[in-house]
N, C-alpha and C. Protein backbone atom coordinates (compact mmCIF):
# COMPACT_ATOMS: atom_id res chain seq x y z
N MET A 1 57.29 134.64 223.76
CA MET A 1 58.25 134.07 224.62
C MET A 1 59.15 133.90 223.91
N ILE A 2 60.10 133.29 224.86
CA ILE A 2 61.66 133.17 223.94
C ILE A 2 62.03 132.13 224.88
N LYS A 3 62.31 130.89 224.33
CA LYS A 3 62.49 129.62 224.56
C LYS A 3 64.38 129.82 225.39
N LEU A 4 64.65 129.44 226.33
CA LEU A 4 66.04 129.45 227.06
C LEU A 4 67.46 128.63 225.86
N GLY A 5 68.03 129.11 225.42
CA GLY A 5 68.89 128.63 224.71
C GLY A 5 68.94 129.18 223.04
N SER A 6 67.91 130.03 223.36
CA SER A 6 67.66 130.96 221.86
C SER A 6 68.97 131.84 221.89
N PHE A 7 68.83 131.95 220.52
CA PHE A 7 69.90 133.50 220.25
C PHE A 7 68.79 134.55 220.10
N CYS A 8 69.69 135.99 220.23
CA CYS A 8 68.99 137.22 220.97
C CYS A 8 70.42 138.15 220.22
N SER A 9 69.66 139.29 219.57
CA SER A 9 70.12 140.52 219.26
C SER A 9 70.68 141.54 220.26
N CYS A 10 71.35 141.99 220.74
CA CYS A 10 71.82 143.04 221.57
C CYS A 10 71.60 144.80 220.77
N ILE A 11 70.42 145.41 221.25
CA ILE A 11 70.26 146.57 220.54
C ILE A 11 70.70 147.47 221.15
N ASP A 12 71.64 147.07 222.32
CA ASP A 12 72.36 148.58 222.74
C ASP A 12 73.95 149.14 222.16
N ILE A 13 74.49 149.92 221.95
CA ILE A 13 75.78 150.06 221.75
C ILE A 13 76.69 150.03 222.15
N THR A 14 76.72 148.56 223.41
CA THR A 14 77.72 148.50 223.92
C THR A 14 78.98 147.32 223.14
N GLY A 15 78.00 147.08 221.70
CA GLY A 15 79.08 146.53 220.45
C GLY A 15 79.05 144.90 220.55
N VAL A 16 78.33 144.54 221.78
CA VAL A 16 77.69 143.06 221.61
C VAL A 16 76.42 142.96 220.45
N SER A 17 76.90 141.50 218.99
CA SER A 17 75.91 141.49 217.98
C SER A 17 75.03 140.58 218.44
N TYR A 18 74.98 139.04 219.10
CA TYR A 18 74.82 138.19 219.14
C TYR A 18 74.83 137.93 220.19
N VAL A 19 73.40 137.49 221.41
CA VAL A 19 73.58 136.74 222.30
C VAL A 19 72.71 135.55 222.84
N LYS A 20 73.00 134.44 223.25
CA LYS A 20 72.49 133.31 223.73
C LYS A 20 71.93 133.38 225.19
N ILE A 21 70.39 133.21 225.21
CA ILE A 21 69.79 133.02 226.40
C ILE A 21 70.54 132.30 227.27
N PHE A 22 70.95 132.17 228.58
CA PHE A 22 71.68 131.09 228.88
C PHE A 22 70.55 130.30 230.35
N LYS A 23 70.54 131.68 231.21
CA LYS A 23 69.25 131.16 232.30
C LYS A 23 68.11 132.21 232.39
N SER A 24 67.38 132.21 233.21
CA SER A 24 66.00 133.13 233.52
C SER A 24 66.18 132.91 234.70
N ASN A 25 65.94 134.67 235.36
CA ASN A 25 66.17 134.62 236.83
C ASN A 25 64.84 135.00 237.38
N VAL A 26 63.49 134.42 236.80
CA VAL A 26 62.21 134.56 236.81
C VAL A 26 61.87 132.85 236.88
N PRO A 27 61.38 132.50 238.02
CA PRO A 27 60.84 131.32 238.24
C PRO A 27 60.00 130.33 236.17
N CYS A 28 60.35 129.99 236.03
CA CYS A 28 59.72 129.72 234.50
C CYS A 28 59.44 128.10 233.89
N TYR A 29 58.97 127.39 234.38
CA TYR A 29 58.83 125.97 234.43
C TYR A 29 58.58 125.28 233.07
N ASN A 30 58.15 126.02 231.97
CA ASN A 30 58.19 125.72 231.16
C ASN A 30 59.35 126.29 230.32
N ARG A 31 60.34 126.76 230.65
CA ARG A 31 61.51 127.51 230.00
C ARG A 31 61.56 128.27 229.31
N ARG A 32 60.63 129.15 229.26
CA ARG A 32 60.66 130.30 228.71
C ARG A 32 60.70 131.61 229.43
N VAL A 33 60.70 132.31 228.51
CA VAL A 33 61.02 133.78 229.25
C VAL A 33 60.05 135.16 228.42
N GLU A 34 59.27 136.07 229.05
CA GLU A 34 58.50 136.90 227.82
C GLU A 34 59.04 138.30 227.97
N LEU A 35 58.31 139.39 227.65
CA LEU A 35 58.98 140.42 227.69
C LEU A 35 59.10 141.07 228.59
N GLY A 36 60.48 141.82 229.17
CA GLY A 36 60.72 142.31 230.53
C GLY A 36 61.06 141.41 231.31
N ASP A 37 61.19 140.37 231.20
CA ASP A 37 61.90 139.47 232.02
C ASP A 37 63.59 139.21 232.01
N THR A 38 64.30 139.52 233.39
CA THR A 38 65.66 139.58 233.33
C THR A 38 66.20 138.53 233.26
N VAL A 39 67.63 138.06 232.09
CA VAL A 39 67.97 136.88 232.27
C VAL A 39 69.44 136.80 232.16
N ILE A 40 70.18 135.98 232.76
CA ILE A 40 71.48 135.43 231.85
C ILE A 40 71.75 134.81 230.42
N VAL A 41 72.80 136.04 229.79
CA VAL A 41 73.26 135.84 228.92
C VAL A 41 74.65 135.05 228.47
N ILE A 42 74.82 134.79 227.24
CA ILE A 42 76.09 134.28 226.99
C ILE A 42 77.03 135.44 225.67
N ILE A 43 77.99 136.06 225.75
CA ILE A 43 77.74 136.54 224.43
C ILE A 43 78.45 136.05 223.14
N LYS A 44 77.83 135.88 222.17
CA LYS A 44 78.34 135.11 220.88
C LYS A 44 78.79 135.70 220.22
N ALA A 45 78.43 136.88 219.97
CA ALA A 45 79.65 137.65 218.92
C ALA A 45 79.55 139.36 219.05
N VAL A 46 81.06 139.88 218.94
CA VAL A 46 81.25 140.98 219.26
C VAL A 46 81.61 141.91 217.86
N ASN A 47 81.34 142.84 217.83
CA ASN A 47 81.93 143.48 216.71
C ASN A 47 82.81 145.09 217.07
N PRO A 48 84.49 144.76 216.94
CA PRO A 48 85.40 145.28 218.06
C PRO A 48 85.19 146.68 217.29
N SER A 49 84.74 147.19 216.43
CA SER A 49 85.28 148.82 215.45
C SER A 49 84.46 149.65 216.39
N THR A 50 83.14 149.63 217.25
CA THR A 50 82.81 150.01 217.80
C THR A 50 83.21 151.13 219.05
N ASN A 51 82.59 152.34 218.97
CA ASN A 51 83.48 153.11 219.65
C ASN A 51 83.73 153.49 221.07
N PHE A 52 82.71 152.12 221.43
CA PHE A 52 82.74 151.86 223.14
C PHE A 52 83.61 150.88 223.64
N LEU A 53 83.91 150.04 222.93
CA LEU A 53 84.76 149.22 222.67
C LEU A 53 86.69 149.94 222.58
N ARG A 54 86.67 150.95 222.83
CA ARG A 54 88.11 151.11 222.58
C ARG A 54 88.51 151.10 223.89
N ASP A 55 87.97 151.23 224.84
CA ASP A 55 88.62 151.33 226.08
C ASP A 55 89.29 149.84 226.43
N GLU A 56 89.85 149.29 226.75
CA GLU A 56 90.84 148.17 227.10
C GLU A 56 89.89 147.60 228.02
N ARG A 57 89.25 148.08 228.94
CA ARG A 57 88.95 147.88 230.01
C ARG A 57 87.67 147.08 229.85
N LEU A 58 86.70 147.57 229.07
CA LEU A 58 85.53 147.53 228.26
C LEU A 58 85.77 146.38 227.52
N LYS A 59 86.78 146.47 226.68
CA LYS A 59 87.08 145.21 225.41
C LYS A 59 87.07 144.42 226.22
N TRP A 60 87.84 144.09 227.51
CA TRP A 60 88.02 142.55 228.14
C TRP A 60 86.58 141.98 229.01
N LYS A 61 85.57 143.04 229.13
CA LYS A 61 84.83 142.72 229.77
C LYS A 61 83.66 142.33 229.47
N PHE A 62 83.64 142.50 227.73
CA PHE A 62 82.40 142.33 226.85
C PHE A 62 83.33 141.41 225.81
N ARG A 63 83.62 140.52 225.76
CA ARG A 63 84.32 139.33 224.99
C ARG A 63 83.39 138.25 225.02
N ARG A 64 83.49 137.31 223.67
CA ARG A 64 83.09 136.16 223.59
C ARG A 64 83.25 135.42 224.63
N GLY A 65 82.27 135.26 225.17
CA GLY A 65 81.96 133.37 225.59
C GLY A 65 81.37 134.27 227.53
N SER A 66 81.72 135.84 227.55
CA SER A 66 81.29 136.04 228.66
C SER A 66 79.89 135.70 229.55
N LEU A 67 79.60 136.22 230.62
CA LEU A 67 78.07 135.86 230.84
C LEU A 67 77.71 137.34 231.38
N HIS A 68 76.75 137.40 231.45
CA HIS A 68 76.17 139.09 231.81
C HIS A 68 74.21 139.12 231.65
N ARG A 69 73.98 140.16 232.26
CA ARG A 69 72.69 140.36 232.45
C ARG A 69 72.20 140.89 231.77
N ALA A 70 70.91 141.03 231.38
CA ALA A 70 70.12 141.63 230.19
C ALA A 70 68.44 141.30 230.43
N VAL A 71 67.77 142.45 230.04
CA VAL A 71 65.97 142.10 229.87
C VAL A 71 66.02 142.00 228.65
N VAL A 72 64.70 141.51 228.17
CA VAL A 72 64.41 140.94 227.28
C VAL A 72 63.75 142.19 226.82
N VAL A 73 63.73 142.83 226.09
CA VAL A 73 62.64 144.25 225.02
C VAL A 73 62.15 143.75 223.88
N HIS A 74 62.50 143.23 222.90
CA HIS A 74 62.30 142.73 222.13
C HIS A 74 61.32 140.99 221.80
N THR A 75 60.42 140.88 221.20
CA THR A 75 59.72 139.33 220.90
C THR A 75 59.07 139.31 219.79
N MET A 76 59.36 138.53 219.43
CA MET A 76 58.48 138.08 217.90
C MET A 76 56.99 137.54 218.31
N GLU A 77 56.82 136.97 219.43
CA GLU A 77 55.81 136.50 219.56
C GLU A 77 54.71 137.56 219.89
N LYS A 78 53.85 137.56 219.61
CA LYS A 78 52.94 138.85 220.72
C LYS A 78 52.84 138.56 221.52
N TYR A 79 52.44 140.04 221.99
CA TYR A 79 52.61 140.14 223.98
C TYR A 79 51.06 141.31 223.67
N LYS A 80 50.15 140.58 224.14
CA LYS A 80 49.26 141.04 224.62
C LYS A 80 49.11 142.42 225.70
N ARG A 81 48.65 143.17 225.72
CA ARG A 81 48.66 144.76 226.27
C ARG A 81 47.42 144.49 227.12
N ALA A 82 47.71 145.54 228.13
CA ALA A 82 46.22 145.76 229.20
C ALA A 82 45.16 146.63 228.24
N ASN A 83 45.01 147.69 227.27
CA ASN A 83 44.43 147.35 226.23
C ASN A 83 43.68 146.70 225.25
N ARG A 84 43.81 145.23 225.50
CA ARG A 84 43.67 144.13 224.72
C ARG A 84 44.46 144.44 223.15
N SER A 85 45.08 145.16 223.05
CA SER A 85 45.76 145.42 221.47
C SER A 85 47.32 144.57 221.90
N TYR A 86 47.80 144.27 220.40
CA TYR A 86 49.06 143.13 220.37
C TYR A 86 49.84 143.61 220.30
N ILE A 87 51.62 144.04 220.44
CA ILE A 87 52.68 144.32 219.50
C ILE A 87 53.62 143.37 219.60
N TRP A 88 54.28 143.06 218.55
CA TRP A 88 55.46 142.38 218.13
C TRP A 88 56.26 142.61 217.41
N PHE A 89 57.64 142.36 217.36
CA PHE A 89 58.80 143.08 216.65
C PHE A 89 59.21 141.81 215.86
N PRO A 90 59.98 142.62 214.49
CA PRO A 90 60.81 141.46 213.73
C PRO A 90 62.03 140.24 214.49
N LYS A 91 62.33 140.70 215.87
CA LYS A 91 63.32 139.67 215.83
C LYS A 91 62.86 140.09 217.64
N ASN A 92 63.96 138.86 218.11
CA ASN A 92 64.21 139.14 219.25
C ASN A 92 65.49 140.03 219.62
N ALA A 93 65.60 140.77 220.97
CA ALA A 93 66.22 141.48 221.30
C ALA A 93 66.26 141.52 222.30
N VAL A 94 67.10 141.51 223.11
CA VAL A 94 68.06 142.48 224.54
C VAL A 94 68.57 143.85 225.06
N VAL A 95 68.60 144.20 226.04
CA VAL A 95 69.64 145.26 226.46
C VAL A 95 70.83 144.71 227.57
N LEU A 96 71.87 144.85 227.66
CA LEU A 96 72.53 143.98 228.32
C LEU A 96 72.74 145.28 230.28
N VAL A 97 72.16 144.79 230.81
CA VAL A 97 72.03 145.96 232.77
C VAL A 97 73.35 145.25 233.42
N ASN A 98 73.59 146.16 234.19
CA ASN A 98 74.50 145.54 235.66
C ASN A 98 73.47 145.24 236.77
N LYS A 99 74.04 144.81 237.59
CA LYS A 99 73.36 143.88 238.92
C LYS A 99 71.95 144.87 239.31
N SER A 100 72.11 146.35 239.32
CA SER A 100 71.23 146.98 239.52
C SER A 100 70.01 147.88 238.71
N ARG A 101 69.96 146.86 237.57
CA ARG A 101 69.66 146.92 236.58
C ARG A 101 69.58 148.61 235.56
N GLN A 102 70.37 148.74 235.73
CA GLN A 102 70.97 150.51 234.74
C GLN A 102 71.45 149.29 233.72
N PRO A 103 70.92 149.94 232.38
CA PRO A 103 72.02 149.46 231.38
C PRO A 103 73.64 150.01 231.19
N PHE A 104 74.29 149.34 230.91
CA PHE A 104 75.88 149.88 230.86
C PHE A 104 75.98 150.87 229.23
N SER A 105 75.39 150.84 228.49
CA SER A 105 75.29 151.74 227.42
C SER A 105 74.56 153.14 227.82
N LYS A 106 74.80 154.14 227.41
CA LYS A 106 74.26 155.05 227.41
C LYS A 106 73.40 155.50 226.25
N ARG A 107 72.78 154.49 225.53
CA ARG A 107 72.32 154.97 224.35
C ARG A 107 71.24 153.74 223.59
N ILE A 108 70.19 153.64 223.64
CA ILE A 108 70.05 151.85 222.69
C ILE A 108 69.73 152.45 221.23
N ARG A 109 69.88 151.63 220.32
CA ARG A 109 69.69 152.00 218.51
C ARG A 109 68.11 151.64 218.54
N LEU A 110 67.22 150.98 219.38
CA LEU A 110 65.96 151.25 218.48
C LEU A 110 64.86 151.49 219.65
N GLY A 111 63.30 151.51 219.80
CA GLY A 111 62.28 151.67 220.41
C GLY A 111 62.27 150.56 221.06
N ILE A 112 61.55 150.92 222.31
CA ILE A 112 61.06 149.71 223.26
C ILE A 112 59.70 149.74 224.17
N PRO A 113 58.55 148.69 223.68
CA PRO A 113 57.32 149.37 224.55
C PRO A 113 57.35 149.92 225.44
N SER A 114 56.48 150.40 225.83
CA SER A 114 55.98 151.31 226.95
C SER A 114 55.55 150.48 228.37
N GLU A 115 55.65 148.94 228.19
CA GLU A 115 55.99 148.25 229.11
C GLU A 115 57.34 148.30 229.64
N ILE A 116 58.19 148.25 229.14
CA ILE A 116 59.70 148.10 229.38
C ILE A 116 60.00 149.68 230.04
N ALA A 117 59.38 150.28 229.86
CA ALA A 117 60.00 152.30 230.29
C ALA A 117 59.36 152.08 231.79
N VAL A 118 58.15 151.49 231.67
CA VAL A 118 57.46 151.60 232.92
C VAL A 118 58.34 150.64 234.19
N LYS A 119 58.74 149.44 234.11
CA LYS A 119 59.12 148.81 234.65
C LYS A 119 60.61 148.72 234.91
N TYR A 120 61.39 149.26 233.95
CA TYR A 120 62.80 149.80 233.79
C TYR A 120 62.70 150.92 233.55
N PRO A 121 62.52 152.48 234.60
CA PRO A 121 62.70 153.31 233.50
C PRO A 121 64.02 154.24 233.42
N ALA A 122 65.20 153.40 234.16
CA ALA A 122 66.46 153.96 233.28
C ALA A 122 66.63 153.54 231.83
N ILE A 123 66.01 152.41 231.48
CA ILE A 123 66.18 151.35 229.89
C ILE A 123 65.36 153.08 229.43
N GLY A 124 64.25 152.60 229.43
CA GLY A 124 63.45 153.98 229.21
C GLY A 124 64.12 155.42 228.39
N ALA A 125 65.16 155.92 229.67
CA ALA A 125 65.34 157.25 229.83
C ALA A 125 66.69 157.22 228.46
N VAL A 126 66.88 156.07 227.92
CA VAL A 126 68.37 156.35 227.06
C VAL A 126 67.70 155.36 225.89
N SER A 127 66.14 154.93 225.58
CA SER A 127 65.96 154.55 224.51
C SER A 127 65.37 155.93 223.93
N PRO A 128 65.29 155.75 222.58
CA PRO A 128 65.06 156.92 221.32
C PRO A 128 63.56 156.98 220.88
N ARG A 129 63.15 155.89 220.95
CA ARG A 129 61.43 155.87 221.32
C ARG A 129 60.70 154.72 221.91
N ILE A 130 59.62 155.17 222.60
CA ILE A 130 58.57 154.29 223.35
C ILE A 130 57.27 153.94 222.76
N TYR A 131 57.23 152.90 222.50
CA TYR A 131 56.16 152.19 221.38
C TYR A 131 55.08 152.60 222.53
């Protein structure tokens, strides 16, 4: 689980390095989000040398301080699967998505859990590996 206000890395190739979780779209009374939740994030750091941001329209879309939707795909907290095994990752990570929950980029740098690929098939299609 990740608290609201914490920093996460962005693992897609949009050029965004770090984001801050601003708001959750699911009702969370203890202010925590879990694996697979949709959140609103604030972009904190952008790498301008990526090929994705060569277009001027996209450069202004993904700038520091802008708000975007994202899906939580990696958490450092252990996540218990249905077969009673656990999965966790070395850092928290998100993937930026649009209103219809389709990812902005055509590729993701790291693999994602199978629970995310089932819940969001578009993210699973652009992922290099499914755990």
